[in-house]
Amino acid sequence: MFGDGHAEAPRRKDLVNPAINHLWRPRWNNDNEPHNEVTWTVDRRREDQPDPR
């Protein structure tokens, strides 16, 4: 749920995609910048599941 009242249900593999400048990267940060200097790994067993609410 977002502050403006809308909700989204992205797939985990999209939400936590470590790719540089990926659509979701800026959404994780308060300043809406992708912060490409930080990276992480993805749990491949769970990447096709919706993110838990």
N, C-alpha and C. Protein backbone atom coordinates (compact mmCIF):
# COMPACT_ATOMS: atom_id res chain seq x y z
N MET A 1 0.85 -1.17 0.00
CA MET A 1 0.00 0.00 0.00
C MET A 1 0.90 1.24 0.00
N PHE A 2 0.58 2.15 -0.85
CA PHE A 2 1.33 3.38 -0.96
C PHE A 2 0.60 4.51 -0.23
N GLY A 3 1.30 5.57 0.06
CA GLY A 3 0.74 6.69 0.79
C GLY A 3 -0.42 7.38 0.08
N ASP A 4 -0.49 7.25 -1.23
CA ASP A 4 -1.58 7.89 -1.97
C ASP A 4 -2.80 6.98 -2.10
N GLY A 5 -2.75 5.80 -1.45
CA GLY A 5 -3.90 4.91 -1.43
C GLY A 5 -3.90 3.79 -2.44
N HIS A 6 -2.98 3.78 -3.39
CA HIS A 6 -2.97 2.69 -4.36
C HIS A 6 -2.09 1.55 -3.86
N ALA A 7 -2.32 0.37 -4.39
CA ALA A 7 -1.55 -0.82 -4.01
C ALA A 7 -1.07 -1.50 -5.27
N GLU A 8 0.05 -2.22 -5.16
CA GLU A 8 0.59 -2.99 -6.27
C GLU A 8 0.98 -4.36 -5.75
N ALA A 9 1.00 -5.35 -6.63
CA ALA A 9 1.37 -6.70 -6.25
C ALA A 9 2.46 -7.21 -7.20
N PRO A 10 3.66 -6.68 -7.09
CA PRO A 10 4.74 -7.10 -7.99
C PRO A 10 5.26 -8.49 -7.63
N ARG A 11 5.86 -9.15 -8.58
CA ARG A 11 6.54 -10.41 -8.33
C ARG A 11 7.83 -10.10 -7.59
N ARG A 12 8.20 -10.99 -6.69
CA ARG A 12 9.42 -10.81 -5.90
C ARG A 12 10.63 -10.59 -6.81
N LYS A 13 10.72 -11.34 -7.93
CA LYS A 13 11.89 -11.21 -8.81
C LYS A 13 12.00 -9.81 -9.40
N ASP A 14 10.90 -9.11 -9.57
CA ASP A 14 10.94 -7.73 -10.06
C ASP A 14 11.24 -6.76 -8.92
N LEU A 15 10.63 -6.99 -7.79
CA LEU A 15 10.77 -6.09 -6.66
C LEU A 15 12.20 -6.02 -6.12
N VAL A 16 12.87 -7.14 -6.07
CA VAL A 16 14.22 -7.18 -5.53
C VAL A 16 15.27 -7.45 -6.61
N ASN A 17 14.98 -7.07 -7.83
CA ASN A 17 15.91 -7.26 -8.94
C ASN A 17 17.16 -6.41 -8.70
N PRO A 18 18.34 -7.04 -8.64
CA PRO A 18 19.56 -6.29 -8.37
C PRO A 18 20.15 -5.56 -9.59
N ALA A 19 19.47 -5.61 -10.72
CA ALA A 19 19.99 -4.98 -11.94
C ALA A 19 20.15 -3.46 -11.75
N ILE A 20 21.18 -2.93 -12.34
CA ILE A 20 21.45 -1.49 -12.28
C ILE A 20 20.30 -0.73 -12.95
N ASN A 21 19.85 0.34 -12.31
CA ASN A 21 18.78 1.23 -12.81
C ASN A 21 17.47 0.50 -13.10
N HIS A 22 17.20 -0.58 -12.41
CA HIS A 22 15.93 -1.28 -12.57
C HIS A 22 14.79 -0.39 -12.07
N LEU A 23 13.61 -0.54 -12.64
CA LEU A 23 12.44 0.27 -12.32
C LEU A 23 12.17 0.37 -10.82
N TRP A 24 12.33 -0.72 -10.09
CA TRP A 24 11.98 -0.74 -8.67
C TRP A 24 13.07 -0.20 -7.75
N ARG A 25 14.29 -0.07 -8.22
CA ARG A 25 15.39 0.37 -7.33
C ARG A 25 15.12 1.70 -6.64
N PRO A 26 14.68 2.73 -7.33
CA PRO A 26 14.45 4.01 -6.65
C PRO A 26 13.30 3.95 -5.63
N ARG A 27 12.38 3.03 -5.81
CA ARG A 27 11.23 2.95 -4.93
C ARG A 27 11.60 2.45 -3.53
N TRP A 28 12.78 1.86 -3.39
CA TRP A 28 13.23 1.37 -2.09
C TRP A 28 13.82 2.49 -1.23
N ASN A 29 14.08 3.64 -1.81
CA ASN A 29 14.83 4.68 -1.12
C ASN A 29 14.01 5.95 -0.92
N ASN A 30 14.19 6.58 0.21
CA ASN A 30 13.45 7.81 0.53
C ASN A 30 13.72 8.94 -0.45
N ASP A 31 14.90 8.96 -1.04
CA ASP A 31 15.23 10.05 -1.96
C ASP A 31 14.92 9.72 -3.42
N ASN A 32 14.29 8.56 -3.66
CA ASN A 32 13.89 8.12 -5.01
C ASN A 32 15.05 8.00 -5.99
N GLU A 33 16.23 7.74 -5.46
CA GLU A 33 17.41 7.49 -6.28
C GLU A 33 17.69 5.99 -6.29
N PRO A 34 18.22 5.44 -7.38
CA PRO A 34 18.43 3.99 -7.45
C PRO A 34 19.59 3.47 -6.59
N HIS A 35 20.52 4.32 -6.21
CA HIS A 35 21.68 3.92 -5.42
C HIS A 35 22.33 2.65 -5.96
N ASN A 36 22.81 2.74 -7.17
CA ASN A 36 23.43 1.60 -7.85
C ASN A 36 24.72 1.13 -7.20
N GLU A 37 25.24 1.90 -6.23
CA GLU A 37 26.46 1.48 -5.54
C GLU A 37 26.18 0.34 -4.56
N VAL A 38 24.91 0.08 -4.28
CA VAL A 38 24.52 -1.00 -3.36
C VAL A 38 23.91 -2.12 -4.19
N THR A 39 24.25 -3.37 -3.86
CA THR A 39 23.68 -4.50 -4.58
C THR A 39 23.31 -5.60 -3.59
N TRP A 40 22.60 -6.60 -4.03
CA TRP A 40 22.18 -7.71 -3.19
C TRP A 40 21.96 -8.94 -4.06
N THR A 41 21.66 -10.05 -3.43
CA THR A 41 21.39 -11.29 -4.16
C THR A 41 19.91 -11.63 -4.05
N VAL A 42 19.46 -12.52 -4.92
CA VAL A 42 18.06 -12.93 -4.97
C VAL A 42 17.95 -14.41 -4.64
N ASP A 43 16.98 -14.77 -3.81
CA ASP A 43 16.70 -16.17 -3.50
C ASP A 43 15.90 -16.75 -4.67
N ARG A 44 16.53 -17.53 -5.52
CA ARG A 44 15.90 -18.04 -6.74
C ARG A 44 14.70 -18.95 -6.46
N ARG A 45 14.64 -19.54 -5.27
CA ARG A 45 13.51 -20.41 -4.93
C ARG A 45 12.23 -19.62 -4.74
N ARG A 46 12.35 -18.33 -4.43
CA ARG A 46 11.18 -17.52 -4.11
C ARG A 46 10.94 -16.39 -5.11
N GLU A 47 11.73 -16.31 -6.16
CA GLU A 47 11.64 -15.14 -7.03
C GLU A 47 10.35 -15.03 -7.84
N ASP A 48 9.64 -16.12 -8.08
CA ASP A 48 8.39 -16.05 -8.84
C ASP A 48 7.14 -15.91 -7.98
N GLN A 49 7.33 -15.74 -6.69
CA GLN A 49 6.19 -15.59 -5.80
C GLN A 49 5.85 -14.12 -5.60
N PRO A 50 4.58 -13.83 -5.32
CA PRO A 50 4.25 -12.44 -4.97
C PRO A 50 4.95 -12.09 -3.65
N ASP A 51 5.27 -10.84 -3.46
CA ASP A 51 5.90 -10.43 -2.22
C ASP A 51 4.87 -10.52 -1.10
N PRO A 52 5.23 -11.08 0.05
CA PRO A 52 4.25 -11.20 1.13
C PRO A 52 3.80 -9.84 1.63
N ARG A 53 2.59 -9.79 2.09
CA ARG A 53 2.03 -8.52 2.56
C ARG A 53 2.13 -8.40 4.03
